[in-house]
Amino acid sequence: MQYLLLLSAIAVEVVGTLTLRVAANGRAALYAVVAVCYVVAFVALAGALRHGMPLGVAYGVWAAAGVAITAAASRFLFDEPLTRRMVAGIGFVMVGVLLMEIGAAH
């Protein structure tokens, strides 16, 4: 259950962040969608914590996955840059989160 809640938090946060990009470009009514997405994301993240997921792992996975998915999606949706160096940085963050996950298991 904790991983389902964490995946939900990630998905809703990414939708909120991508919507923020659209809202910032002149569609101000979408700020309400952004706010709802962020509230739902935090509630889902809190649910993952309530179900026993360690905070460092939950936040690390949430942040890293959010950055990676948002960067990839914004490349395709908004034609924003996603350079090799940026992809390498995302990879390093993901390795760090994996190490935190492994460390939390001991």
PDB file of N, CA and C in Angstrom:
ATOM      1  N   MET A   1       0.828  -1.195   0.000  1.00  0.00           N
ATOM      2  CA  MET A   1       0.000   0.000   0.000  1.00  0.00           C
ATOM      3  C   MET A   1       0.872   1.259   0.000  1.00  0.00           C
ATOM      4  N   GLN A   2       1.980   1.222   0.778  1.00  0.00           N
ATOM      5  CA  GLN A   2       2.818   2.420   0.862  1.00  0.00           C
ATOM      6  C   GLN A   2       3.418   2.789  -0.492  1.00  0.00           C
ATOM      7  N   TYR A   3       3.768   1.785  -1.304  1.00  0.00           N
ATOM      8  CA  TYR A   3       4.338   2.093  -2.620  1.00  0.00           C
ATOM      9  C   TYR A   3       3.271   2.589  -3.590  1.00  0.00           C
ATOM     10  N   LEU A   4       2.065   2.097  -3.474  1.00  0.00           N
ATOM     11  CA  LEU A   4       0.972   2.593  -4.303  1.00  0.00           C
ATOM     12  C   LEU A   4       0.683   4.060  -3.979  1.00  0.00           C
ATOM     13  N   LEU A   5       0.694   4.393  -2.699  1.00  0.00           N
ATOM     14  CA  LEU A   5       0.489   5.787  -2.299  1.00  0.00           C
ATOM     15  C   LEU A   5       1.635   6.671  -2.783  1.00  0.00           C
ATOM     16  N   LEU A   6       2.862   6.155  -2.689  1.00  0.00           N
ATOM     17  CA  LEU A   6       4.014   6.934  -3.157  1.00  0.00           C
ATOM     18  C   LEU A   6       3.942   7.149  -4.668  1.00  0.00           C
ATOM     19  N   LEU A   7       3.593   6.113  -5.414  1.00  0.00           N
ATOM     20  CA  LEU A   7       3.458   6.264  -6.871  1.00  0.00           C
ATOM     21  C   LEU A   7       2.358   7.252  -7.217  1.00  0.00           C
ATOM     22  N   SER A   8       1.279   7.236  -6.455  1.00  0.00           N
ATOM     23  CA  SER A   8       0.197   8.203  -6.666  1.00  0.00           C
ATOM     24  C   SER A   8       0.689   9.621  -6.402  1.00  0.00           C
ATOM     25  N   ALA A   9       1.446   9.790  -5.324  1.00  0.00           N
ATOM     26  CA  ALA A   9       1.991  11.109  -4.989  1.00  0.00           C
ATOM     27  C   ALA A   9       2.893  11.621  -6.102  1.00  0.00           C
ATOM     28  N   ILE A  10       3.715  10.743  -6.637  1.00  0.00           N
ATOM     29  CA  ILE A  10       4.621  11.130  -7.723  1.00  0.00           C
ATOM     30  C   ILE A  10       3.823  11.539  -8.962  1.00  0.00           C
ATOM     31  N   ALA A  11       2.863  10.711  -9.347  1.00  0.00           N
ATOM     32  CA  ALA A  11       2.086  10.987 -10.560  1.00  0.00           C
ATOM     33  C   ALA A  11       1.319  12.304 -10.455  1.00  0.00           C
ATOM     34  N   VAL A  12       0.672  12.530  -9.324  1.00  0.00           N
ATOM     35  CA  VAL A  12      -0.131  13.747  -9.169  1.00  0.00           C
ATOM     36  C   VAL A  12       0.771  14.978  -9.086  1.00  0.00           C
ATOM     37  N   GLU A  13       1.925  14.837  -8.440  1.00  0.00           N
ATOM     38  CA  GLU A  13       2.856  15.969  -8.351  1.00  0.00           C
ATOM     39  C   GLU A  13       3.399  16.328  -9.732  1.00  0.00           C
ATOM     40  N   VAL A  14       3.692  15.338 -10.553  1.00  0.00           N
ATOM     41  CA  VAL A  14       4.185  15.591 -11.906  1.00  0.00           C
ATOM     42  C   VAL A  14       3.101  16.289 -12.736  1.00  0.00           C
ATOM     43  N   VAL A  15       1.872  15.817 -12.638  1.00  0.00           N
ATOM     44  CA  VAL A  15       0.770  16.472 -13.355  1.00  0.00           C
ATOM     45  C   VAL A  15       0.640  17.924 -12.897  1.00  0.00           C
ATOM     46  N   GLY A  16       0.729  18.152 -11.600  1.00  0.00           N
ATOM     47  CA  GLY A  16       0.646  19.514 -11.073  1.00  0.00           C
ATOM     48  C   GLY A  16       1.763  20.398 -11.584  1.00  0.00           C
ATOM     49  N   THR A  17       2.971  19.869 -11.623  1.00  0.00           N
ATOM     50  CA  THR A  17       4.112  20.659 -12.076  1.00  0.00           C
ATOM     51  C   THR A  17       4.023  20.960 -13.574  1.00  0.00           C
ATOM     52  N   LEU A  18       3.612  19.982 -14.360  1.00  0.00           N
ATOM     53  CA  LEU A  18       3.439  20.226 -15.796  1.00  0.00           C
ATOM     54  C   LEU A  18       2.314  21.226 -16.043  1.00  0.00           C
ATOM     55  N   THR A  19       1.281  21.142 -15.253  1.00  0.00           N
ATOM     56  CA  THR A  19       0.180  22.104 -15.365  1.00  0.00           C
ATOM     57  C   THR A  19       0.640  23.497 -14.957  1.00  0.00           C
ATOM     58  N   LEU A  20       1.531  23.569 -13.995  1.00  0.00           N
ATOM     59  CA  LEU A  20       2.095  24.856 -13.581  1.00  0.00           C
ATOM     60  C   LEU A  20       2.785  25.549 -14.745  1.00  0.00           C
ATOM     61  N   ARG A  21       3.476  24.771 -15.566  1.00  0.00           N
ATOM     62  CA  ARG A  21       4.156  25.337 -16.742  1.00  0.00           C
ATOM     63  C   ARG A  21       3.142  25.977 -17.693  1.00  0.00           C
ATOM     64  N   VAL A  22       2.022  25.309 -17.896  1.00  0.00           N
ATOM     65  CA  VAL A  22       0.976  25.833 -18.779  1.00  0.00           C
ATOM     66  C   VAL A  22       0.320  27.062 -18.142  1.00  0.00           C
ATOM     67  N   ALA A  23       0.045  26.987 -16.844  1.00  0.00           N
ATOM     68  CA  ALA A  23      -0.587  28.114 -16.141  1.00  0.00           C
ATOM     69  C   ALA A  23       0.303  29.353 -16.186  1.00  0.00           C
ATOM     70  N   ALA A  24       1.601  29.151 -16.039  1.00  0.00           N
ATOM     71  CA  ALA A  24       2.537  30.272 -16.033  1.00  0.00           C
ATOM     72  C   ALA A  24       2.639  30.947 -17.399  1.00  0.00           C
ATOM     73  N   ASN A  25       2.217  30.262 -18.422  1.00  0.00           N
ATOM     74  CA  ASN A  25       2.252  30.828 -19.773  1.00  0.00           C
ATOM     75  C   ASN A  25       0.923  31.438 -20.181  1.00  0.00           C
ATOM     76  N   GLY A  26       0.134  31.894 -19.206  1.00  0.00           N
ATOM     77  CA  GLY A  26      -1.047  32.673 -19.546  1.00  0.00           C
ATOM     78  C   GLY A  26      -2.386  32.022 -19.282  1.00  0.00           C
ATOM     79  N   ARG A  27      -2.415  30.818 -18.772  1.00  0.00           N
ATOM     80  CA  ARG A  27      -3.696  30.166 -18.487  1.00  0.00           C
ATOM     81  C   ARG A  27      -3.878  30.108 -16.969  1.00  0.00           C
ATOM     82  N   ALA A  28      -4.071  31.281 -16.384  1.00  0.00           N
ATOM     83  CA  ALA A  28      -4.086  31.445 -14.933  1.00  0.00           C
ATOM     84  C   ALA A  28      -5.136  30.598 -14.232  1.00  0.00           C
ATOM     85  N   ALA A  29      -6.218  30.268 -14.901  1.00  0.00           N
ATOM     86  CA  ALA A  29      -7.259  29.445 -14.276  1.00  0.00           C
ATOM     87  C   ALA A  29      -6.717  28.072 -13.872  1.00  0.00           C
ATOM     88  N   LEU A  30      -5.638  27.634 -14.509  1.00  0.00           N
ATOM     89  CA  LEU A  30      -5.066  26.324 -14.196  1.00  0.00           C
ATOM     90  C   LEU A  30      -4.305  26.303 -12.873  1.00  0.00           C
ATOM     91  N   TYR A  31      -4.055  27.463 -12.273  1.00  0.00           N
ATOM     92  CA  TYR A  31      -3.401  27.468 -10.962  1.00  0.00           C
ATOM     93  C   TYR A  31      -4.224  26.708  -9.932  1.00  0.00           C
ATOM     94  N   ALA A  32      -5.536  26.687 -10.083  1.00  0.00           N
ATOM     95  CA  ALA A  32      -6.388  25.917  -9.169  1.00  0.00           C
ATOM     96  C   ALA A  32      -6.094  24.423  -9.308  1.00  0.00           C
ATOM     97  N   VAL A  33      -5.894  23.957 -10.529  1.00  0.00           N
ATOM     98  CA  VAL A  33      -5.546  22.554 -10.765  1.00  0.00           C
ATOM     99  C   VAL A  33      -4.199  22.241 -10.128  1.00  0.00           C
ATOM    100  N   VAL A  34      -3.252  23.149 -10.281  1.00  0.00           N
ATOM    101  CA  VAL A  34      -1.926  22.972  -9.688  1.00  0.00           C
ATOM    102  C   VAL A  34      -2.041  22.823  -8.170  1.00  0.00           C
ATOM    103  N   ALA A  35      -2.797  23.703  -7.545  1.00  0.00           N
ATOM    104  CA  ALA A  35      -2.950  23.661  -6.091  1.00  0.00           C
ATOM    105  C   ALA A  35      -3.584  22.354  -5.635  1.00  0.00           C
ATOM    106  N   VAL A  36      -4.619  21.924  -6.325  1.00  0.00           N
ATOM    107  CA  VAL A  36      -5.275  20.662  -5.960  1.00  0.00           C
ATOM    108  C   VAL A  36      -4.305  19.491  -6.123  1.00  0.00           C
ATOM    109  N   CYS A  37      -3.564  19.483  -7.205  1.00  0.00           N
ATOM    110  CA  CYS A  37      -2.594  18.400  -7.431  1.00  0.00           C
ATOM    111  C   CYS A  37      -1.552  18.352  -6.316  1.00  0.00           C
ATOM    112  N   TYR A  38      -1.037  19.499  -5.923  1.00  0.00           N
ATOM    113  CA  TYR A  38      -0.024  19.511  -4.873  1.00  0.00           C
ATOM    114  C   TYR A  38      -0.592  19.064  -3.538  1.00  0.00           C
ATOM    115  N   VAL A  39      -1.800  19.454  -3.221  1.00  0.00           N
ATOM    116  CA  VAL A  39      -2.424  19.008  -1.972  1.00  0.00           C
ATOM    117  C   VAL A  39      -2.626  17.496  -1.997  1.00  0.00           C
ATOM    118  N   VAL A  40      -3.141  16.978  -3.103  1.00  0.00           N
ATOM    119  CA  VAL A  40      -3.353  15.538  -3.222  1.00  0.00           C
ATOM    120  C   VAL A  40      -2.022  14.788  -3.138  1.00  0.00           C
ATOM    121  N   ALA A  41      -0.988  15.334  -3.760  1.00  0.00           N
ATOM    122  CA  ALA A  41       0.330  14.696  -3.721  1.00  0.00           C
ATOM    123  C   ALA A  41       0.854  14.617  -2.289  1.00  0.00           C
ATOM    124  N   PHE A  42       0.709  15.690  -1.525  1.00  0.00           N
ATOM    125  CA  PHE A  42       1.183  15.673  -0.141  1.00  0.00           C
ATOM    126  C   PHE A  42       0.357  14.732   0.725  1.00  0.00           C
ATOM    127  N   VAL A  43      -0.931  14.657   0.472  1.00  0.00           N
ATOM    128  CA  VAL A  43      -1.782  13.726   1.224  1.00  0.00           C
ATOM    129  C   VAL A  43      -1.367  12.281   0.918  1.00  0.00           C
ATOM    130  N   ALA A  44      -1.112  11.979  -0.337  1.00  0.00           N
ATOM    131  CA  ALA A  44      -0.672  10.629  -0.706  1.00  0.00           C
ATOM    132  C   ALA A  44       0.705  10.323  -0.114  1.00  0.00           C
ATOM    133  N   LEU A  45       1.601  11.293  -0.135  1.00  0.00           N
ATOM    134  CA  LEU A  45       2.920  11.101   0.469  1.00  0.00           C
ATOM    135  C   LEU A  45       2.788  10.851   1.966  1.00  0.00           C
ATOM    136  N   ALA A  46       1.933  11.601   2.625  1.00  0.00           N
ATOM    137  CA  ALA A  46       1.691  11.390   4.058  1.00  0.00           C
ATOM    138  C   ALA A  46       1.108  10.000   4.305  1.00  0.00           C
ATOM    139  N   GLY A  47       0.265   9.537   3.396  1.00  0.00           N
ATOM    140  CA  GLY A  47      -0.285   8.193   3.524  1.00  0.00           C
ATOM    141  C   GLY A  47       0.797   7.134   3.435  1.00  0.00           C
ATOM    142  N   ALA A  48       1.750   7.316   2.534  1.00  0.00           N
ATOM    143  CA  ALA A  48       2.867   6.369   2.435  1.00  0.00           C
ATOM    144  C   ALA A  48       3.657   6.347   3.742  1.00  0.00           C
ATOM    145  N   LEU A  49       3.855   7.524   4.331  1.00  0.00           N
ATOM    146  CA  LEU A  49       4.560   7.593   5.614  1.00  0.00           C
ATOM    147  C   LEU A  49       3.748   6.912   6.711  1.00  0.00           C
ATOM    148  N   ARG A  50       2.434   7.116   6.707  1.00  0.00           N
ATOM    149  CA  ARG A  50       1.562   6.490   7.701  1.00  0.00           C
ATOM    150  C   ARG A  50       1.615   4.965   7.612  1.00  0.00           C
ATOM    151  N   HIS A  51       1.844   4.458   6.413  1.00  0.00           N
ATOM    152  CA  HIS A  51       1.913   3.012   6.220  1.00  0.00           C
ATOM    153  C   HIS A  51       3.327   2.462   6.448  1.00  0.00           C
ATOM    154  N   GLY A  52       4.198   3.265   7.017  1.00  0.00           N
ATOM    155  CA  GLY A  52       5.495   2.759   7.456  1.00  0.00           C
ATOM    156  C   GLY A  52       6.689   3.032   6.576  1.00  0.00           C
ATOM    157  N   MET A  53       6.519   3.756   5.493  1.00  0.00           N
ATOM    158  CA  MET A  53       7.673   4.039   4.641  1.00  0.00           C
ATOM    159  C   MET A  53       8.569   5.059   5.345  1.00  0.00           C
ATOM    160  N   PRO A  54       9.877   4.805   5.393  1.00  0.00           N
ATOM    161  CA  PRO A  54      10.785   5.774   6.020  1.00  0.00           C
ATOM    162  C   PRO A  54      10.771   7.110   5.270  1.00  0.00           C
ATOM    163  N   LEU A  55      10.850   8.198   6.001  1.00  0.00           N
ATOM    164  CA  LEU A  55      10.773   9.540   5.413  1.00  0.00           C
ATOM    165  C   LEU A  55      11.867   9.778   4.379  1.00  0.00           C
ATOM    166  N   GLY A  56      13.099   9.415   4.701  1.00  0.00           N
ATOM    167  CA  GLY A  56      14.203   9.644   3.765  1.00  0.00           C
ATOM    168  C   GLY A  56      14.002   8.927   2.446  1.00  0.00           C
ATOM    169  N   VAL A  57      13.514   7.715   2.519  1.00  0.00           N
ATOM    170  CA  VAL A  57      13.252   6.935   1.304  1.00  0.00           C
ATOM    171  C   VAL A  57      12.078   7.535   0.543  1.00  0.00           C
ATOM    172  N   ALA A  58      10.986   7.800   1.252  1.00  0.00           N
ATOM    173  CA  ALA A  58       9.784   8.336   0.591  1.00  0.00           C
ATOM    174  C   ALA A  58      10.088   9.652  -0.099  1.00  0.00           C
ATOM    175  N   TYR A  59      10.709  10.565   0.607  1.00  0.00           N
ATOM    176  CA  TYR A  59      10.984  11.872   0.026  1.00  0.00           C
ATOM    177  C   TYR A  59      12.011  11.768  -1.099  1.00  0.00           C
ATOM    178  N   GLY A  60      13.021  10.931  -0.903  1.00  0.00           N
ATOM    179  CA  GLY A  60      14.039  10.767  -1.943  1.00  0.00           C
ATOM    180  C   GLY A  60      13.470  10.215  -3.230  1.00  0.00           C
ATOM    181  N   VAL A  61      12.665   9.165  -3.124  1.00  0.00           N
ATOM    182  CA  VAL A  61      12.048   8.566  -4.316  1.00  0.00           C
ATOM    183  C   VAL A  61      11.079   9.551  -4.954  1.00  0.00           C
ATOM    184  N   TRP A  62      10.269  10.214  -4.119  1.00  0.00           N
ATOM    185  CA  TRP A  62       9.289  11.179  -4.619  1.00  0.00           C
ATOM    186  C   TRP A  62       9.976  12.304  -5.392  1.00  0.00           C
ATOM    187  N   ALA A  63      11.009  12.869  -4.799  1.00  0.00           N
ATOM    188  CA  ALA A  63      11.706  13.993  -5.429  1.00  0.00           C
ATOM    189  C   ALA A  63      12.446  13.558  -6.691  1.00  0.00           C
ATOM    190  N   ALA A  64      13.187  12.458  -6.603  1.00  0.00           N
ATOM    191  CA  ALA A  64      13.981  12.010  -7.750  1.00  0.00           C
ATOM    192  C   ALA A  64      13.090  11.599  -8.922  1.00  0.00           C
ATOM    193  N   ALA A  65      12.063  10.826  -8.628  1.00  0.00           N
ATOM    194  CA  ALA A  65      11.164  10.393  -9.700  1.00  0.00           C
ATOM    195  C   ALA A  65      10.431  11.597 -10.295  1.00  0.00           C
ATOM    196  N   GLY A  66      10.023  12.519  -9.430  1.00  0.00           N
ATOM    197  CA  GLY A  66       9.341  13.715  -9.918  1.00  0.00           C
ATOM    198  C   GLY A  66      10.216  14.525 -10.855  1.00  0.00           C
ATOM    199  N   VAL A  67      11.471  14.709 -10.485  1.00  0.00           N
ATOM    200  CA  VAL A  67      12.401  15.465 -11.332  1.00  0.00           C
ATOM    201  C   VAL A  67      12.620  14.748 -12.656  1.00  0.00           C
ATOM    202  N   ALA A  68      12.862  13.449 -12.594  1.00  0.00           N
ATOM    203  CA  ALA A  68      13.150  12.690 -13.814  1.00  0.00           C
ATOM    204  C   ALA A  68      11.954  12.676 -14.769  1.00  0.00           C
ATOM    205  N   ILE A  69      10.787  12.385 -14.245  1.00  0.00           N
ATOM    206  CA  ILE A  69       9.597  12.303 -15.097  1.00  0.00           C
ATOM    207  C   ILE A  69       9.218  13.677 -15.636  1.00  0.00           C
ATOM    208  N   THR A  70       9.312  14.699 -14.790  1.00  0.00           N
ATOM    209  CA  THR A  70       8.982  16.050 -15.236  1.00  0.00           C
ATOM    210  C   THR A  70       9.949  16.527 -16.321  1.00  0.00           C
ATOM    211  N   ALA A  71      11.231  16.252 -16.143  1.00  0.00           N
ATOM    212  CA  ALA A  71      12.220  16.657 -17.150  1.00  0.00           C
ATOM    213  C   ALA A  71      11.954  15.960 -18.485  1.00  0.00           C
ATOM    214  N   ALA A  72      11.683  14.662 -18.435  1.00  0.00           N
ATOM    215  CA  ALA A  72      11.414  13.925 -19.675  1.00  0.00           C
ATOM    216  C   ALA A  72      10.119  14.403 -20.326  1.00  0.00           C
ATOM    217  N   ALA A  73       9.084  14.571 -19.529  1.00  0.00           N
ATOM    218  CA  ALA A  73       7.799  15.008 -20.082  1.00  0.00           C
ATOM    219  C   ALA A  73       7.879  16.416 -20.655  1.00  0.00           C
ATOM    220  N   SER A  74       8.608  17.308 -19.978  1.00  0.00           N
ATOM    221  CA  SER A  74       8.700  18.677 -20.483  1.00  0.00           C
ATOM    222  C   SER A  74       9.524  18.739 -21.768  1.00  0.00           C
ATOM    223  N   ARG A  75      10.400  17.786 -21.951  1.00  0.00           N
ATOM    224  CA  ARG A  75      11.150  17.695 -23.214  1.00  0.00           C
ATOM    225  C   ARG A  75      10.185  17.451 -24.369  1.00  0.00           C
ATOM    226  N   PHE A  76       9.252  16.535 -24.155  1.00  0.00           N
ATOM    227  CA  PHE A  76       8.320  16.171 -25.224  1.00  0.00           C
ATOM    228  C   PHE A  76       7.119  17.115 -25.313  1.00  0.00           C
ATOM    229  N   LEU A  77       6.625  17.568 -24.174  1.00  0.00           N
ATOM    230  CA  LEU A  77       5.438  18.419 -24.185  1.00  0.00           C
ATOM    231  C   LEU A  77       5.733  19.878 -24.514  1.00  0.00           C
ATOM    232  N   PHE A  78       6.883  20.374 -24.020  1.00  0.00           N
ATOM    233  CA  PHE A  78       7.183  21.801 -24.147  1.00  0.00           C
ATOM    234  C   PHE A  78       8.462  22.071 -24.932  1.00  0.00           C
ATOM    235  N   ASP A  79       9.066  21.024 -25.477  1.00  0.00           N
ATOM    236  CA  ASP A  79      10.296  21.143 -26.253  1.00  0.00           C
ATOM    237  C   ASP A  79      11.420  21.811 -25.452  1.00  0.00           C
ATOM    238  N   GLU A  80      11.477  21.509 -24.162  1.00  0.00           N
ATOM    239  CA  GLU A  80      12.545  22.039 -23.321  1.00  0.00           C
ATOM    240  C   GLU A  80      13.774  21.144 -23.441  1.00  0.00           C
ATOM    241  N   PRO A  81      14.945  21.681 -23.149  1.00  0.00           N
ATOM    242  CA  PRO A  81      16.157  20.881 -23.309  1.00  0.00           C
ATOM    243  C   PRO A  81      16.249  19.742 -22.302  1.00  0.00           C
ATOM    244  N   LEU A  82      16.847  18.648 -22.741  1.00  0.00           N
ATOM    245  CA  LEU A  82      17.181  17.518 -21.877  1.00  0.00           C
ATOM    246  C   LEU A  82      18.504  16.977 -22.405  1.00  0.00           C
ATOM    247  N   THR A  83      19.590  17.568 -21.922  1.00  0.00           N
ATOM    248  CA  THR A  83      20.916  17.252 -22.438  1.00  0.00           C
ATOM    249  C   THR A  83      21.468  15.980 -21.795  1.00  0.00           C
ATOM    250  N   ARG A  84      22.534  15.482 -22.363  1.00  0.00           N
ATOM    251  CA  ARG A  84      23.201  14.305 -21.783  1.00  0.00           C
ATOM    252  C   ARG A  84      23.656  14.576 -20.356  1.00  0.00           C
ATOM    253  N   ARG A  85      24.139  15.763 -20.135  1.00  0.00           N
ATOM    254  CA  ARG A  85      24.594  16.125 -18.794  1.00  0.00           C
ATOM    255  C   ARG A  85      23.418  16.115 -17.802  1.00  0.00           C
ATOM    256  N   MET A  86      22.269  16.599 -18.245  1.00  0.00           N
ATOM    257  CA  MET A  86      21.085  16.586 -17.392  1.00  0.00           C
ATOM    258  C   MET A  86      20.638  15.151 -17.108  1.00  0.00           C
ATOM    259  N   VAL A  87      20.665  14.311 -18.130  1.00  0.00           N
ATOM    260  CA  VAL A  87      20.291  12.905 -17.957  1.00  0.00           C
ATOM    261  C   VAL A  87      21.267  12.221 -16.999  1.00  0.00           C
ATOM    262  N   ALA A  88      22.550  12.541 -17.118  1.00  0.00           N
ATOM    263  CA  ALA A  88      23.533  11.972 -16.190  1.00  0.00           C
ATOM    264  C   ALA A  88      23.241  12.422 -14.762  1.00  0.00           C
ATOM    265  N   GLY A  89      22.903  13.687 -14.580  1.00  0.00           N
ATOM    266  CA  GLY A  89      22.562  14.187 -13.250  1.00  0.00           C
ATOM    267  C   GLY A  89      21.362  13.474 -12.672  1.00  0.00           C
ATOM    268  N   ILE A  90      20.344  13.247 -13.491  1.00  0.00           N
ATOM    269  CA  ILE A  90      19.175  12.505 -13.043  1.00  0.00           C
ATOM    270  C   ILE A  90      19.576  11.083 -12.652  1.00  0.00           C
ATOM    271  N   GLY A  91      20.442  10.494 -13.439  1.00  0.00           N
ATOM    272  CA  GLY A  91      20.932   9.147 -13.118  1.00  0.00           C
ATOM    273  C   GLY A  91      21.655   9.100 -11.785  1.00  0.00           C
ATOM    274  N   PHE A  92      22.491  10.097 -11.508  1.00  0.00           N
ATOM    275  CA  PHE A  92      23.200  10.145 -10.221  1.00  0.00           C
ATOM    276  C   PHE A  92      22.221  10.287  -9.056  1.00  0.00           C
ATOM    277  N   VAL A  93      21.216  11.106  -9.237  1.00  0.00           N
ATOM    278  CA  VAL A  93      20.203  11.263  -8.182  1.00  0.00           C
ATOM    279  C   VAL A  93      19.491   9.932  -7.947  1.00  0.00           C
ATOM    280  N   MET A  94      19.162   9.229  -9.016  1.00  0.00           N
ATOM    281  CA  MET A  94      18.468   7.954  -8.879  1.00  0.00           C
ATOM    282  C   MET A  94      19.348   6.907  -8.186  1.00  0.00           C
ATOM    283  N   VAL A  95      20.628   6.905  -8.485  1.00  0.00           N
ATOM    284  CA  VAL A  95      21.544   5.997  -7.802  1.00  0.00           C
ATOM    285  C   VAL A  95      21.595   6.337  -6.312  1.00  0.00           C
ATOM    286  N   GLY A  96      21.637   7.612  -5.992  1.00  0.00           N
ATOM    287  CA  GLY A  96      21.627   8.028  -4.592  1.00  0.00           C
ATOM    288  C   GLY A  96      20.377   7.576  -3.861  1.00  0.00           C
ATOM    289  N   VAL A  97      19.239   7.704  -4.514  1.00  0.00           N
ATOM    290  CA  VAL A  97      17.977   7.262  -3.904  1.00  0.00           C
ATOM    291  C   VAL A  97      17.982   5.742  -3.741  1.00  0.00           C
ATOM    292  N   LEU A  98      18.492   5.026  -4.723  1.00  0.00           N
ATOM    293  CA  LEU A  98      18.590   3.570  -4.612  1.00  0.00           C
ATOM    294  C   LEU A  98      19.465   3.175  -3.424  1.00  0.00           C
ATOM    295  N   LEU A  99      20.573   3.862  -3.252  1.00  0.00           N
ATOM    296  CA  LEU A  99      21.440   3.573  -2.109  1.00  0.00           C
ATOM    297  C   LEU A  99      20.735   3.859  -0.785  1.00  0.00           C
ATOM    298  N   MET A 100      19.916   4.898  -0.751  1.00  0.00           N
ATOM    299  CA  MET A 100      19.137   5.190   0.465  1.00  0.00           C
ATOM    300  C   MET A 100      18.142   4.069   0.727  1.00  0.00           C
ATOM    301  N   GLU A 101      17.489   3.586  -0.318  1.00  0.00           N
ATOM    302  CA  GLU A 101      16.522   2.489  -0.186  1.00  0.00           C
ATOM    303  C   GLU A 101      17.213   1.227   0.343  1.00  0.00           C
ATOM    304  N   ILE A 102      18.354   0.912  -0.219  1.00  0.00           N
ATOM    305  CA  ILE A 102      19.103  -0.265   0.221  1.00  0.00           C
ATOM    306  C   ILE A 102      19.564  -0.091   1.670  1.00  0.00           C
ATOM    307  N   GLY A 103      20.028   1.115   1.974  1.00  0.00           N
ATOM    308  CA  GLY A 103      20.484   1.392   3.349  1.00  0.00           C
ATOM    309  C   GLY A 103      19.368   1.314   4.361  1.00  0.00           C
ATOM    310  N   ALA A 104      18.162   1.701   3.978  1.00  0.00           N
ATOM    311  CA  ALA A 104      17.017   1.677   4.893  1.00  0.00           C
ATOM    312  C   ALA A 104      16.573   0.250   5.191  1.00  0.00           C
ATOM    313  N   ALA A 105      16.905  -0.668   4.291  1.00  0.00           N
ATOM    314  CA  ALA A 105      16.499  -2.061   4.479  1.00  0.00           C
ATOM    315  C   ALA A 105      17.340  -2.762   5.534  1.00  0.00           C
ATOM    316  N   HIS A 106      18.425  -2.160   5.953  1.00  0.00           N
ATOM    317  CA  HIS A 106      19.306  -2.816   6.948  1.00  0.00           C
ATOM    318  C   HIS A 106      19.142  -2.212   8.308  1.00  0.00           C
TER     319      HIS A 106
END
